[in-house]
Amino acid sequence: MARTQGRGGRRTRGDGGLHFKASRGLWVARVDLGIGGDGVRRSKEVSSRDYATAVKKLRELRRQVEDHGGAPTGTMTLTQWLDHWLAQTVALEKDPKTLAGYRSACETWLKPHLGAYRLDRLEPQHVRDLHKKMRDAGRAESSVLKVHNVLAKALKDAMTETSLRRNVTANIKRPTAAKRNETLTTAQARALLAHVQTDPNGGRRAASLYLGIRQGEVLGMQWDRIDLERGTLDLAWQLQRLGFRHGCNGTCGRKRAGSCPQRELEVPPGFDHRQLDGGLTLTRPKGGRERLMPIPPPLLGWLVGRAAHQRGLPNPHGLVFTRDDGRPIDPRPDLQEWHDALDAAGLPSVMLHAARHTTATLLREAGVPVDVIQSILGHSSAVTTQGYLHEDLTLAREALSRLQIEG
């Protein structure tokens, strides 16, 4: 069986080979596309029952790779497109948390169940079948919606970058996820604070409830951005666990990028971050805006006590809340500690983000104007400019002082 090989006997990107598959009765040509962003080697195949036609297809495929670097087409499979899309679009344009969510949807659902279909042969019923499989597997409707949205975004981008002419998700009804409105009542919030009163790290719960800030913003609080005398907090960073990518160009032989000796944080170019410990990294808060917030008296007392407790202990990153050895607190065990605290206090198990909703609800019940609540919570619709900073801070301080949830 005839076979062509790469130049000099060593295959590089754009070279290819031609061989006969007797079981299929086809001449199959394969061209190497090189190492992808995830460290995995890629290739593309074309085939024909006629040898001369297969040779022609191989030459055309080589030319395409040389001209466009293996540009994707509408005839590639969904798996091939998703691999390209994640590495060349999402990883370069989205924040690491979004990339991780997209990749999870692709690896867990889209590639296993729809990945073998060509882009131009995907049908609405294929997507409906995926919805049903997820529901049959007990997945919440919110999860079905997230996976659907990732597919819709991937196909929308494919229409821009390839010859794909339609997005099949536009022809079916989007899943509808019921909104969860979990909050703690004032009595429940008081009970939780009373329970964690003697916990050196209990201030994490107090910060969540009194300020309505996100988990990452609590874990990323730094002493050099807190003024205990003025009672103010500058929210400039949040702590997140980020993933890794291969930094070896796929030569280390390790399957997991995190095990690569030359591993790199998987962040887009220009992404503002400070790596602290492994994947634990300080990133800018959601929306990218720094927020100066007043610290309510009860929380201020917690922080003063925390500062005294930490004096003389290792704290290389100047974080307010750390592990015993001074290292950052991983968001995952922090989440488990939240649920453990709720259980120990005899409270319902609600998501940690419920603390943020609780703050908003309590502020609203206290008669705080909506625009002030938006400013406190850092919603994008709040109008916060430097010229109004002092006024906003005064209003926020007055508003937060109305939260009578001390233990």
Protein backbone atom coordinates (compact mmCIF):
# COMPACT_ATOMS: atom_id res chain seq x y z
CA MET A 1 0.00 0.00 0.00
CA ALA A 2 1.46 3.33 -1.02
CA ARG A 3 2.12 5.89 1.67
CA THR A 4 3.50 9.41 1.60
CA GLN A 5 5.47 10.82 4.51
CA GLY A 6 6.58 14.17 5.82
CA ARG A 7 9.73 15.95 4.65
CA GLY A 8 12.96 14.45 5.88
CA GLY A 9 11.11 11.51 7.43
CA ARG A 10 9.98 13.68 10.35
CA ARG A 11 6.43 14.92 10.30
CA THR A 12 5.73 18.59 11.01
CA ARG A 13 2.52 20.56 10.90
CA GLY A 14 1.08 20.51 7.39
CA ASP A 15 2.72 17.23 6.39
CA GLY A 16 0.53 14.22 5.99
CA GLY A 17 0.32 10.62 5.01
CA LEU A 18 -1.83 8.47 2.77
CA HIS A 19 -2.69 4.87 3.49
CA PHE A 20 -5.26 2.28 2.45
CA LYS A 21 -7.80 1.02 4.99
CA ALA A 22 -8.91 -2.35 3.68
CA SER A 23 -11.71 -2.67 6.23
CA ARG A 24 -13.35 0.44 4.81
CA GLY A 25 -12.11 0.20 1.24
CA LEU A 26 -10.81 3.75 1.42
CA TRP A 27 -7.62 5.66 0.83
CA VAL A 28 -7.27 7.83 3.93
CA ALA A 29 -5.12 10.96 4.10
CA ARG A 30 -4.22 12.50 7.44
CA VAL A 31 -2.54 15.86 8.01
CA ASP A 32 -0.93 16.87 11.29
CA LEU A 33 -2.26 20.17 12.69
CA GLY A 34 0.29 20.43 15.47
CA ILE A 35 -0.19 20.84 19.22
CA GLY A 36 -3.37 22.56 20.37
CA GLY A 37 -3.68 25.01 23.25
CA ASP A 38 -4.46 22.15 25.60
CA GLY A 39 -1.24 20.33 24.75
CA VAL A 40 -2.95 17.64 22.63
CA ARG A 41 -1.77 16.89 19.09
CA ARG A 42 -4.43 17.48 16.42
CA SER A 43 -4.91 16.01 12.95
CA LYS A 44 -7.45 16.11 10.13
CA GLU A 45 -8.49 13.35 7.75
CA VAL A 46 -9.94 13.17 4.26
CA SER A 47 -10.67 9.99 2.28
CA SER A 48 -11.70 8.57 -1.08
CA ARG A 49 -12.13 5.15 -2.69
CA ASP A 50 -10.06 6.42 -5.60
CA TYR A 51 -6.31 6.75 -5.06
CA ALA A 52 -5.86 9.75 -7.37
CA THR A 53 -8.74 11.58 -5.71
CA ALA A 54 -7.29 10.85 -2.27
CA VAL A 55 -3.92 12.26 -3.38
CA LYS A 56 -5.65 15.40 -4.65
CA LYS A 57 -7.52 15.80 -1.37
CA LEU A 58 -4.29 15.37 0.57
CA ARG A 59 -2.59 18.10 -1.47
CA GLU A 60 -5.57 20.41 -0.93
CA LEU A 61 -5.56 19.70 2.80
CA ARG A 62 -1.83 20.46 2.99
CA ARG A 63 -2.36 23.71 1.12
CA GLN A 64 -5.16 24.70 3.48
CA VAL A 65 -2.96 24.08 6.50
CA GLU A 66 -0.07 26.02 4.98
CA ASP A 67 -2.31 28.96 4.04
CA HIS A 68 -4.54 29.11 7.08
CA GLY A 69 -2.86 27.06 9.77
CA GLY A 70 -5.50 24.35 9.60
CA ALA A 71 -8.42 26.77 9.55
CA PRO A 72 -11.63 25.17 10.80
CA THR A 73 -14.47 24.45 8.39
CA GLY A 74 -18.16 23.75 8.64
CA THR A 75 -17.51 20.10 7.86
CA MET A 76 -15.44 19.43 10.97
CA THR A 77 -17.05 17.59 13.86
CA LEU A 78 -18.43 19.43 16.84
CA THR A 79 -15.64 17.97 18.98
CA GLN A 80 -12.98 19.31 16.59
CA TRP A 81 -14.61 22.73 16.58
CA LEU A 82 -15.03 22.86 20.36
CA ASP A 83 -11.35 22.01 20.87
CA HIS A 84 -10.36 24.79 18.48
CA TRP A 85 -12.90 27.23 19.92
CA LEU A 86 -11.87 26.70 23.54
CA ALA A 87 -8.16 27.05 22.77
CA GLN A 88 -8.25 29.85 20.20
CA THR A 89 -11.26 31.93 21.22
CA VAL A 90 -12.51 31.32 24.75
CA ALA A 91 -9.07 30.96 26.36
CA LEU A 92 -7.93 34.22 24.78
CA GLU A 93 -11.05 36.32 25.33
CA LYS A 94 -12.83 35.12 28.46
CA ASP A 95 -11.84 35.14 32.12
CA PRO A 96 -10.53 31.85 33.57
CA LYS A 97 -13.73 31.10 35.48
CA THR A 98 -15.81 31.40 32.31
CA LEU A 99 -13.32 29.22 30.43
CA ALA A 100 -13.54 26.55 33.13
CA GLY A 101 -17.34 26.57 32.94
CA TYR A 102 -17.35 26.33 29.14
CA ARG A 103 -14.79 23.52 29.18
CA SER A 104 -16.78 21.57 31.77
CA ALA A 105 -19.92 21.81 29.63
CA CYS A 106 -18.00 20.68 26.56
CA GLU A 107 -16.18 17.75 28.18
CA THR A 108 -19.09 16.49 30.28
CA TRP A 109 -21.99 16.83 27.85
CA LEU A 110 -21.41 18.35 24.43
CA LYS A 111 -18.47 16.28 23.23
CA PRO A 112 -19.65 12.88 24.58
CA HIS A 113 -23.19 13.24 23.24
CA LEU A 114 -22.96 15.50 20.18
CA GLY A 115 -19.25 15.63 19.40
CA ALA A 116 -19.29 13.07 16.58
CA TYR A 117 -21.73 15.10 14.45
CA ARG A 118 -20.38 17.39 11.77
CA LEU A 119 -21.18 21.05 12.39
CA ASP A 120 -23.22 21.29 9.22
CA ARG A 121 -25.19 18.15 10.07
CA LEU A 122 -26.31 19.04 13.57
CA GLU A 123 -30.09 19.11 13.80
CA PRO A 124 -32.45 20.67 16.37
CA GLN A 125 -33.56 17.20 17.44
CA HIS A 126 -29.98 16.34 18.41
CA VAL A 127 -30.00 19.25 20.84
CA ARG A 128 -33.43 18.32 22.19
CA ASP A 129 -32.15 14.78 22.77
CA LEU A 130 -29.24 16.19 24.77
CA HIS A 131 -31.67 18.19 26.92
CA LYS A 132 -33.60 14.99 27.62
CA LYS A 133 -30.45 13.02 28.49
CA MET A 134 -29.44 15.67 31.00
CA ARG A 135 -32.88 15.73 32.60
CA ASP A 136 -33.02 11.92 32.68
CA ALA A 137 -29.66 12.00 34.46
CA GLY A 138 -31.20 14.18 37.16
CA ARG A 139 -29.53 17.44 36.15
CA ALA A 140 -31.25 20.64 37.22
CA GLU A 141 -32.87 22.77 34.56
CA SER A 142 -30.31 25.48 35.30
CA SER A 143 -27.56 23.04 34.26
CA VAL A 144 -29.41 22.17 31.06
CA LEU A 145 -29.67 25.88 30.28
CA LYS A 146 -25.95 26.48 30.90
CA VAL A 147 -24.91 23.68 28.53
CA HIS A 148 -27.41 24.88 25.94
CA ASN A 149 -26.01 28.41 26.15
CA VAL A 150 -22.43 27.17 25.71
CA LEU A 151 -23.44 25.26 22.59
CA ALA A 152 -25.32 28.27 21.25
CA LYS A 153 -22.27 30.50 21.75
CA ALA A 154 -19.92 27.95 20.18
CA LEU A 155 -22.10 27.61 17.08
CA LYS A 156 -22.58 31.37 16.80
CA ASP A 157 -18.81 31.79 16.69
CA ALA A 158 -18.53 28.91 14.22
CA MET A 159 -20.82 30.79 11.82
CA THR A 160 -18.36 33.68 11.91
CA GLU A 161 -15.18 31.64 11.55
CA THR A 162 -16.24 28.72 9.34
CA SER A 163 -18.57 28.03 6.46
CA LEU A 164 -21.37 26.99 8.84
CA ARG A 165 -24.58 28.69 7.76
CA ARG A 166 -26.97 28.04 10.63
CA ASN A 167 -27.07 27.75 14.39
CA VAL A 168 -29.46 24.93 15.23
CA THR A 169 -30.01 26.24 18.76
CA ALA A 170 -31.88 29.20 17.24
CA ASN A 171 -34.60 26.81 16.04
CA ILE A 172 -35.55 25.33 19.40
CA LYS A 173 -36.89 26.66 22.67
CA ARG A 174 -34.26 27.45 25.26
CA PRO A 175 -34.56 25.57 28.58
CA THR A 176 -36.14 27.68 31.29
CA ALA A 177 -34.53 27.53 34.70
CA ALA A 178 -36.53 28.64 37.70
CA LYS A 179 -34.77 31.36 39.66
CA ARG A 180 -33.63 30.35 43.13
CA ASN A 181 -34.41 32.98 45.70
CA GLU A 182 -32.54 31.66 48.71
CA THR A 183 -32.00 34.01 51.62
CA LEU A 184 -31.56 33.77 55.35
CA THR A 185 -34.01 35.63 57.55
CA THR A 186 -32.76 38.18 60.07
CA ALA A 187 -33.23 35.62 62.86
CA GLN A 188 -31.31 32.97 60.90
CA ALA A 189 -28.48 35.40 60.10
CA ARG A 190 -28.29 36.31 63.79
CA ALA A 191 -28.18 32.64 64.75
CA LEU A 192 -25.34 31.97 62.32
CA LEU A 193 -23.28 34.89 63.60
CA ALA A 194 -23.83 33.80 67.20
CA HIS A 195 -22.67 30.28 66.33
CA VAL A 196 -19.40 31.41 64.70
CA GLN A 197 -18.68 34.09 67.33
CA THR A 198 -15.77 32.13 68.83
CA ASP A 199 -14.36 30.96 65.50
CA PRO A 200 -11.16 32.89 64.56
CA ASN A 201 -12.30 32.72 60.95
CA GLY A 202 -15.93 33.49 61.75
CA GLY A 203 -15.38 36.96 60.35
CA ARG A 204 -15.68 35.40 56.88
CA ARG A 205 -19.38 34.81 57.60
CA ALA A 206 -19.76 38.27 59.13
CA ALA A 207 -18.17 39.88 56.06
CA SER A 208 -20.48 37.95 53.75
CA LEU A 209 -23.60 38.97 55.67
CA TYR A 210 -22.74 42.56 56.61
CA LEU A 211 -21.24 43.60 53.29
CA GLY A 212 -22.98 41.32 50.82
CA ILE A 213 -19.69 40.62 49.05
CA ARG A 214 -18.91 37.50 47.06
CA GLN A 215 -16.97 34.51 48.38
CA GLY A 216 -13.86 35.35 46.37
CA GLU A 217 -13.97 38.96 47.57
CA VAL A 218 -14.07 37.81 51.20
CA LEU A 219 -11.17 35.39 50.73
CA GLY A 220 -9.20 38.03 48.83
CA MET A 221 -9.49 40.77 51.49
CA GLN A 222 -6.05 42.24 52.32
CA TRP A 223 -4.93 44.18 55.38
CA ASP A 224 -3.24 46.91 53.38
CA ARG A 225 -6.62 47.77 51.87
CA ILE A 226 -8.44 48.03 55.19
CA ASP A 227 -8.41 51.17 57.32
CA LEU A 228 -9.51 50.10 60.80
CA GLU A 229 -9.43 53.67 62.08
CA ARG A 230 -11.70 55.06 59.38
CA GLY A 231 -13.67 51.82 59.13
CA THR A 232 -13.29 51.39 55.36
CA LEU A 233 -12.49 48.51 53.04
CA ASP A 234 -11.13 48.74 49.50
CA LEU A 235 -12.31 45.75 47.48
CA ALA A 236 -9.67 45.48 44.77
CA TRP A 237 -9.15 41.72 44.43
CA GLN A 238 -10.94 38.41 44.70
CA LEU A 239 -9.39 35.00 45.32
CA GLN A 240 -10.09 32.30 42.75
CA ARG A 241 -8.72 28.88 41.91
CA LEU A 242 -7.56 28.96 38.30
CA GLY A 243 -6.64 26.09 36.02
CA PHE A 244 -3.38 25.37 34.23
CA ARG A 245 -2.28 24.75 30.66
CA HIS A 246 0.79 22.96 29.33
CA GLY A 247 3.82 25.20 28.99
CA CYS A 248 5.93 22.52 27.33
CA ASN A 249 4.24 22.55 23.91
CA GLY A 250 2.99 19.03 24.60
CA THR A 251 6.41 17.43 25.11
CA CYS A 252 6.18 16.45 28.79
CA GLY A 253 3.92 13.47 28.17
CA ARG A 254 1.67 14.33 31.12
CA LYS A 255 -2.06 14.14 30.44
CA ARG A 256 -3.03 16.69 33.09
CA ALA A 257 -1.78 20.20 32.44
CA GLY A 258 -1.45 20.72 36.19
CA SER A 259 1.23 18.00 36.28
CA CYS A 260 3.32 19.60 33.53
CA PRO A 261 6.75 20.68 34.89
CA GLN A 262 6.37 23.91 32.88
CA ARG A 263 2.70 24.48 33.63
CA GLU A 264 1.23 27.95 33.21
CA LEU A 265 -1.89 29.53 34.62
CA GLU A 266 -4.61 29.45 32.00
CA VAL A 267 -5.34 33.15 31.70
CA PRO A 268 -5.92 35.29 28.60
CA PRO A 269 -3.25 37.78 27.49
CA GLY A 270 -3.21 40.91 29.62
CA PHE A 271 -5.36 39.36 32.34
CA ASP A 272 -4.65 41.18 35.63
CA HIS A 273 -3.82 38.63 38.30
CA ARG A 274 -1.43 37.74 41.13
CA GLN A 275 -0.63 34.08 41.60
CA LEU A 276 -0.32 33.25 45.31
CA ASP A 277 -0.21 29.49 45.84
CA GLY A 278 -0.57 27.01 42.99
CA GLY A 279 -3.85 27.77 41.27
CA LEU A 280 -5.01 30.11 44.05
CA THR A 281 -4.79 33.52 42.43
CA LEU A 282 -5.93 37.07 43.10
CA THR A 283 -7.99 38.45 40.20
CA ARG A 284 -9.95 41.61 39.76
CA PRO A 285 -13.52 41.47 41.15
CA LYS A 286 -16.48 40.94 38.87
CA GLY A 287 -16.95 44.00 36.69
CA GLY A 288 -13.28 44.93 37.15
CA ARG A 289 -14.08 47.83 39.47
CA GLU A 290 -12.50 48.60 42.83
CA ARG A 291 -15.05 49.47 45.52
CA LEU A 292 -14.52 51.47 48.68
CA MET A 293 -16.96 50.29 51.32
CA PRO A 294 -17.73 51.30 54.91
CA ILE A 295 -17.33 48.60 57.52
CA PRO A 296 -20.34 48.28 59.89
CA PRO A 297 -19.37 48.42 63.62
CA PRO A 298 -20.08 44.72 64.37
CA LEU A 299 -17.86 43.59 61.48
CA LEU A 300 -15.21 46.14 62.41
CA GLY A 301 -15.03 44.49 65.84
CA TRP A 302 -14.50 41.12 64.18
CA LEU A 303 -11.66 42.52 62.06
CA VAL A 304 -9.93 44.17 65.01
CA GLY A 305 -9.99 40.83 66.82
CA ARG A 306 -8.75 39.05 63.70
CA ALA A 307 -5.83 41.47 63.37
CA ALA A 308 -4.82 40.78 66.98
CA HIS A 309 -5.14 37.01 66.43
CA GLN A 310 -2.91 37.12 63.34
CA ARG A 311 -0.17 39.26 64.89
CA GLY A 312 3.13 37.40 64.69
CA LEU A 313 1.71 34.57 62.54
CA PRO A 314 2.95 33.86 58.99
CA ASN A 315 1.00 35.79 56.37
CA PRO A 316 3.13 36.23 53.24
CA HIS A 317 0.29 37.65 51.15
CA GLY A 318 -1.24 39.98 53.73
CA LEU A 319 -4.63 38.28 53.53
CA VAL A 320 -7.23 38.86 56.22
CA PHE A 321 -8.39 35.24 56.23
CA THR A 322 -5.79 32.49 55.90
CA ARG A 323 -5.09 28.91 56.81
CA ASP A 324 -3.12 28.27 59.99
CA ASP A 325 0.15 28.31 58.03
CA GLY A 326 -0.65 31.65 56.38
CA ARG A 327 -1.57 30.19 52.99
CA PRO A 328 -4.74 31.31 51.16
CA ILE A 329 -8.01 29.54 51.89
CA ASP A 330 -9.24 27.42 49.00
CA PRO A 331 -12.80 28.34 47.94
CA ARG A 332 -13.87 24.68 47.95
CA PRO A 333 -13.23 23.86 51.63
CA ASP A 334 -14.50 27.35 52.50
CA LEU A 335 -17.80 26.44 50.86
CA GLN A 336 -17.93 23.20 52.84
CA GLU A 337 -17.26 25.12 56.07
CA TRP A 338 -20.20 27.40 55.24
CA HIS A 339 -22.53 24.41 55.01
CA ASP A 340 -21.02 22.85 58.15
CA ALA A 341 -21.66 26.10 60.06
CA LEU A 342 -25.26 26.24 58.87
CA ASP A 343 -25.81 22.63 59.88
CA ALA A 344 -24.26 23.12 63.31
CA ALA A 345 -26.43 26.21 63.88
CA GLY A 346 -29.56 24.25 62.92
CA LEU A 347 -30.17 26.35 59.82
CA PRO A 348 -31.31 25.32 56.32
CA SER A 349 -28.58 24.47 53.84
CA VAL A 350 -28.47 27.37 51.39
CA MET A 351 -25.76 28.33 48.95
CA LEU A 352 -22.98 30.63 50.14
CA HIS A 353 -24.14 33.18 47.58
CA ALA A 354 -27.35 33.31 49.64
CA ALA A 355 -25.45 35.56 52.08
CA ARG A 356 -25.28 38.17 49.33
CA HIS A 357 -29.00 37.83 48.63
CA THR A 358 -29.67 38.02 52.36
CA THR A 359 -27.85 41.34 52.60
CA ALA A 360 -29.87 42.75 49.72
CA THR A 361 -33.14 41.55 51.25
CA LEU A 362 -32.35 42.93 54.72
CA LEU A 363 -31.30 46.29 53.28
CA ARG A 364 -34.52 46.47 51.30
CA GLU A 365 -36.57 45.56 54.41
CA ALA A 366 -34.72 48.31 56.29
CA GLY A 367 -35.97 50.84 53.77
CA VAL A 368 -32.64 51.47 52.03
CA PRO A 369 -33.12 52.98 48.53
CA VAL A 370 -32.52 50.61 45.62
CA ASP A 371 -29.75 52.72 44.11
CA VAL A 372 -27.81 52.62 47.41
CA ILE A 373 -28.23 48.84 47.59
CA GLN A 374 -26.89 48.57 44.05
CA SER A 375 -23.88 50.65 45.01
CA ILE A 376 -23.19 48.55 48.11
CA LEU A 377 -23.42 45.27 46.21
CA GLY A 378 -21.39 46.57 43.28
CA HIS A 379 -24.02 45.92 40.63
CA SER A 380 -23.12 47.23 37.20
CA SER A 381 -26.26 49.37 37.08
CA ALA A 382 -25.13 51.48 40.04
CA VAL A 383 -23.81 54.91 39.13
CA THR A 384 -20.56 55.29 41.07
CA THR A 385 -18.12 58.00 40.05
CA GLN A 386 -15.17 59.52 41.88
CA GLY A 387 -17.04 62.79 42.29
CA TYR A 388 -19.82 61.12 44.28
CA LEU A 389 -17.56 58.74 46.23
CA HIS A 390 -17.85 60.57 49.58
CA GLU A 391 -21.62 60.89 49.30
CA ASP A 392 -21.98 57.24 48.28
CA LEU A 393 -19.79 56.13 51.18
CA THR A 394 -21.86 58.12 53.66
CA LEU A 395 -25.11 56.71 52.34
CA ALA A 396 -23.69 53.20 52.35
CA ARG A 397 -22.44 53.55 55.91
CA GLU A 398 -25.85 54.77 57.06
CA ALA A 399 -27.57 51.96 55.17
CA LEU A 400 -25.33 49.19 56.51
CA SER A 401 -25.72 50.48 60.07
CA ARG A 402 -29.42 49.58 59.81
CA LEU A 403 -28.59 45.88 59.64
CA GLN A 404 -29.42 44.84 63.19
CA ILE A 405 -28.20 41.24 62.98
CA GLU A 406 -25.65 41.18 65.75
CA GLY A 407 -25.45 37.97 67.74
